[in-house]
């Protein structure tokens, strides 16, 4: 994902996420909110918060892979000269 790309959701993902937001507000806050309000909350999260989570995942993956490569390099057989 390059710096200019947006996180894209399928229609099914969006529908499931909107439902989850509505359920959260109902169960945790005792509030009923509609599809429009839930969709606006989802849009905010996707636009403003999700890129930070994505970037953290990229950094975590990079660290993990770097550690595994370091482990691989440690098993080299060094021939005597």
N, C-alpha and C. Protein backbone atom coordinates (compact mmCIF):
# COMPACT_ATOMS: atom_id res chain seq x y z
N UNK A 1 0.86 -1.17 0.00
CA UNK A 1 0.00 0.00 0.00
C UNK A 1 0.90 1.23 0.00
N UNK A 2 0.77 2.03 -1.01
CA UNK A 2 1.60 3.23 -1.07
C UNK A 2 0.98 4.35 -0.25
N UNK A 3 1.70 5.43 -0.11
CA UNK A 3 1.26 6.52 0.74
C UNK A 3 -0.06 7.17 0.33
N UNK A 4 -0.45 7.04 -0.93
CA UNK A 4 -1.66 7.71 -1.41
C UNK A 4 -2.88 6.81 -1.47
N UNK A 5 -2.70 5.52 -1.23
CA UNK A 5 -3.82 4.59 -1.31
C UNK A 5 -4.68 4.67 -0.05
N UNK A 6 -5.96 4.46 -0.26
CA UNK A 6 -6.89 4.40 0.86
C UNK A 6 -7.19 2.95 1.18
N UNK A 7 -7.56 2.70 2.41
CA UNK A 7 -8.00 1.36 2.80
C UNK A 7 -9.39 1.17 2.22
N UNK A 8 -9.55 0.08 1.47
CA UNK A 8 -10.83 -0.18 0.82
C UNK A 8 -11.52 -1.36 1.49
N UNK A 9 -12.81 -1.25 1.65
CA UNK A 9 -13.63 -2.30 2.24
C UNK A 9 -14.59 -2.82 1.19
N UNK A 10 -14.84 -4.13 1.24
CA UNK A 10 -15.88 -4.66 0.38
C UNK A 10 -17.23 -4.24 0.96
N UNK A 11 -18.26 -4.40 0.16
CA UNK A 11 -19.61 -4.07 0.64
C UNK A 11 -19.97 -4.93 1.85
N UNK A 12 -19.59 -6.20 1.80
CA UNK A 12 -19.87 -7.11 2.91
C UNK A 12 -19.11 -6.70 4.17
N UNK A 13 -17.84 -6.34 4.02
CA UNK A 13 -17.06 -5.89 5.17
C UNK A 13 -17.69 -4.65 5.79
N UNK A 14 -18.06 -3.71 4.95
CA UNK A 14 -18.66 -2.46 5.45
C UNK A 14 -19.95 -2.75 6.20
N UNK A 15 -20.79 -3.59 5.62
CA UNK A 15 -22.06 -3.95 6.27
C UNK A 15 -21.81 -4.60 7.62
N UNK A 16 -20.86 -5.53 7.69
CA UNK A 16 -20.54 -6.19 8.96
C UNK A 16 -20.00 -5.20 9.98
N UNK A 17 -19.16 -4.28 9.54
CA UNK A 17 -18.57 -3.31 10.46
C UNK A 17 -19.61 -2.32 10.97
N UNK A 18 -20.49 -1.88 10.10
CA UNK A 18 -21.58 -0.98 10.52
C UNK A 18 -22.44 -1.68 11.56
N UNK A 19 -22.74 -2.95 11.32
CA UNK A 19 -23.53 -3.72 12.29
C UNK A 19 -22.80 -3.84 13.62
N UNK A 20 -21.49 -4.06 13.57
CA UNK A 20 -20.70 -4.17 14.80
C UNK A 20 -20.70 -2.86 15.59
N UNK A 21 -20.62 -1.75 14.89
CA UNK A 21 -20.65 -0.44 15.56
C UNK A 21 -22.00 -0.23 16.22
N UNK A 22 -23.08 -0.55 15.52
CA UNK A 22 -24.41 -0.41 16.08
C UNK A 22 -24.57 -1.29 17.32
N UNK A 23 -24.07 -2.53 17.23
CA UNK A 23 -24.15 -3.46 18.36
C UNK A 23 -23.36 -2.92 19.54
N UNK A 24 -22.17 -2.40 19.29
CA UNK A 24 -21.35 -1.84 20.37
C UNK A 24 -22.10 -0.73 21.10
N UNK A 25 -22.66 0.21 20.35
CA UNK A 25 -23.37 1.33 20.98
C UNK A 25 -24.58 0.84 21.77
N UNK A 26 -25.26 -0.18 21.25
CA UNK A 26 -26.43 -0.71 21.95
C UNK A 26 -26.01 -1.42 23.24
N UNK A 27 -24.98 -2.28 23.17
CA UNK A 27 -24.59 -3.08 24.33
C UNK A 27 -23.78 -2.29 25.36
N UNK A 28 -22.87 -1.47 24.91
CA UNK A 28 -21.94 -0.79 25.82
C UNK A 28 -22.42 0.58 26.28
N UNK A 29 -23.23 1.23 25.47
CA UNK A 29 -23.65 2.59 25.81
C UNK A 29 -25.15 2.72 25.97
N UNK A 30 -25.87 1.64 25.66
CA UNK A 30 -27.32 1.71 25.78
C UNK A 30 -27.95 2.67 24.79
N UNK A 31 -27.30 2.90 23.66
CA UNK A 31 -27.78 3.84 22.64
C UNK A 31 -28.09 3.09 21.35
N UNK A 32 -29.16 3.49 20.72
CA UNK A 32 -29.49 2.97 19.40
C UNK A 32 -29.05 4.01 18.37
N UNK A 33 -28.16 3.61 17.48
CA UNK A 33 -27.77 4.52 16.40
C UNK A 33 -28.07 3.84 15.07
N UNK A 34 -28.31 4.63 14.06
CA UNK A 34 -28.69 4.09 12.76
C UNK A 34 -27.51 3.79 11.87
N UNK A 35 -27.85 3.32 10.67
CA UNK A 35 -26.82 2.98 9.69
C UNK A 35 -26.00 4.20 9.29
N UNK A 36 -26.64 5.35 9.14
CA UNK A 36 -25.91 6.56 8.72
C UNK A 36 -24.87 6.94 9.76
N UNK A 37 -25.27 7.02 11.02
CA UNK A 37 -24.32 7.39 12.09
C UNK A 37 -23.20 6.36 12.20
N UNK A 38 -23.56 5.09 12.12
CA UNK A 38 -22.55 4.03 12.19
C UNK A 38 -21.59 4.11 11.02
N UNK A 39 -22.13 4.40 9.85
CA UNK A 39 -21.29 4.54 8.66
C UNK A 39 -20.33 5.72 8.76
N UNK A 40 -20.80 6.81 9.34
CA UNK A 40 -19.93 7.97 9.51
C UNK A 40 -18.81 7.69 10.52
N UNK A 41 -19.14 6.95 11.57
CA UNK A 41 -18.11 6.56 12.54
C UNK A 41 -17.08 5.65 11.84
N UNK A 42 -17.57 4.70 11.06
CA UNK A 42 -16.67 3.80 10.33
C UNK A 42 -15.79 4.58 9.37
N UNK A 43 -16.35 5.53 8.65
CA UNK A 43 -15.56 6.35 7.72
C UNK A 43 -14.45 7.09 8.46
N UNK A 44 -14.76 7.63 9.63
CA UNK A 44 -13.76 8.32 10.44
C UNK A 44 -12.64 7.37 10.83
N UNK A 45 -13.02 6.19 11.32
CA UNK A 45 -12.01 5.22 11.76
C UNK A 45 -11.12 4.81 10.58
N UNK A 46 -11.72 4.50 9.45
CA UNK A 46 -10.96 4.06 8.28
C UNK A 46 -10.03 5.17 7.79
N UNK A 47 -10.52 6.39 7.77
CA UNK A 47 -9.71 7.49 7.23
C UNK A 47 -8.64 7.98 8.21
N UNK A 48 -8.99 8.10 9.47
CA UNK A 48 -8.09 8.74 10.43
C UNK A 48 -7.29 7.78 11.30
N UNK A 49 -7.83 6.61 11.63
CA UNK A 49 -7.19 5.71 12.58
C UNK A 49 -6.57 4.48 11.94
N UNK A 50 -7.25 3.89 10.96
CA UNK A 50 -6.78 2.64 10.37
C UNK A 50 -5.37 2.74 9.78
N UNK A 51 -4.98 3.85 9.15
CA UNK A 51 -3.61 3.91 8.62
C UNK A 51 -2.54 3.73 9.69
N UNK A 52 -2.78 4.21 10.91
CA UNK A 52 -1.82 4.01 11.99
C UNK A 52 -1.72 2.54 12.37
N UNK A 53 -2.87 1.83 12.42
CA UNK A 53 -2.86 0.40 12.72
C UNK A 53 -2.15 -0.36 11.61
N UNK A 54 -2.43 0.00 10.37
CA UNK A 54 -1.78 -0.63 9.22
C UNK A 54 -0.26 -0.45 9.31
N UNK A 55 0.17 0.78 9.54
CA UNK A 55 1.60 1.06 9.62
C UNK A 55 2.26 0.31 10.77
N UNK A 56 1.57 0.16 11.89
CA UNK A 56 2.11 -0.61 13.01
C UNK A 56 2.28 -2.07 12.60
N UNK A 57 1.33 -2.60 11.86
CA UNK A 57 1.43 -3.97 11.37
C UNK A 57 2.62 -4.15 10.44
N UNK A 58 2.84 -3.17 9.57
CA UNK A 58 4.01 -3.22 8.67
C UNK A 58 5.30 -3.20 9.48
N UNK A 59 5.38 -2.32 10.48
CA UNK A 59 6.58 -2.25 11.31
C UNK A 59 6.80 -3.54 12.09
N UNK A 60 5.74 -4.11 12.65
CA UNK A 60 5.86 -5.37 13.38
C UNK A 60 6.33 -6.49 12.45
N UNK A 61 5.78 -6.55 11.24
CA UNK A 61 6.18 -7.57 10.27
C UNK A 61 7.65 -7.40 9.89
N UNK A 62 8.07 -6.16 9.69
CA UNK A 62 9.47 -5.88 9.34
C UNK A 62 10.40 -6.36 10.45
N UNK A 63 10.05 -6.03 11.69
CA UNK A 63 10.88 -6.47 12.82
C UNK A 63 10.95 -7.99 12.90
N UNK A 64 9.81 -8.64 12.72
CA UNK A 64 9.76 -10.10 12.78
C UNK A 64 10.65 -10.70 11.69
N UNK A 65 10.49 -10.21 10.47
CA UNK A 65 11.27 -10.76 9.35
C UNK A 65 12.76 -10.47 9.53
N UNK A 66 13.11 -9.32 10.02
CA UNK A 66 14.51 -8.98 10.26
C UNK A 66 15.11 -9.92 11.30
N UNK A 67 14.36 -10.19 12.37
CA UNK A 67 14.83 -11.13 13.39
C UNK A 67 15.03 -12.53 12.81
N UNK A 68 14.11 -12.99 11.95
CA UNK A 68 14.24 -14.30 11.34
C UNK A 68 15.44 -14.35 10.41
N UNK A 69 15.70 -13.27 9.67
CA UNK A 69 16.87 -13.23 8.79
C UNK A 69 18.16 -13.24 9.60
N UNK A 70 18.17 -12.55 10.72
CA UNK A 70 19.34 -12.57 11.60
C UNK A 70 19.59 -13.99 12.11
N UNK A 71 18.50 -14.71 12.46
CA UNK A 71 18.63 -16.09 12.90
C UNK A 71 19.22 -16.96 11.78
N UNK A 72 18.78 -16.73 10.55
CA UNK A 72 19.27 -17.49 9.41
C UNK A 72 20.76 -17.24 9.18
N UNK A 73 21.16 -16.00 9.26
CA UNK A 73 22.56 -15.66 9.05
C UNK A 73 23.46 -16.25 10.15
N UNK A 74 22.91 -16.48 11.32
CA UNK A 74 23.69 -17.02 12.44
C UNK A 74 24.08 -18.48 12.23
N UNK A 75 23.41 -19.18 11.32
CA UNK A 75 23.73 -20.59 11.13
C UNK A 75 24.74 -20.83 10.00
N UNK A 76 25.30 -19.77 9.50
CA UNK A 76 26.30 -19.93 8.44
C UNK A 76 27.48 -20.76 8.94
N UNK A 77 28.04 -21.51 8.05
CA UNK A 77 29.26 -22.25 8.36
C UNK A 77 30.43 -21.42 7.82
N UNK A 78 31.29 -21.10 8.73
CA UNK A 78 32.45 -20.29 8.36
C UNK A 78 33.63 -21.24 8.17
N UNK A 79 34.13 -21.26 6.97
CA UNK A 79 35.24 -22.17 6.68
C UNK A 79 36.56 -21.59 7.18
N UNK A 80 37.43 -22.47 7.67
CA UNK A 80 38.73 -21.99 8.13
C UNK A 80 39.57 -21.51 6.94
N UNK A 81 40.38 -20.54 7.16
CA UNK A 81 41.20 -19.98 6.09
C UNK A 81 42.60 -20.47 6.18
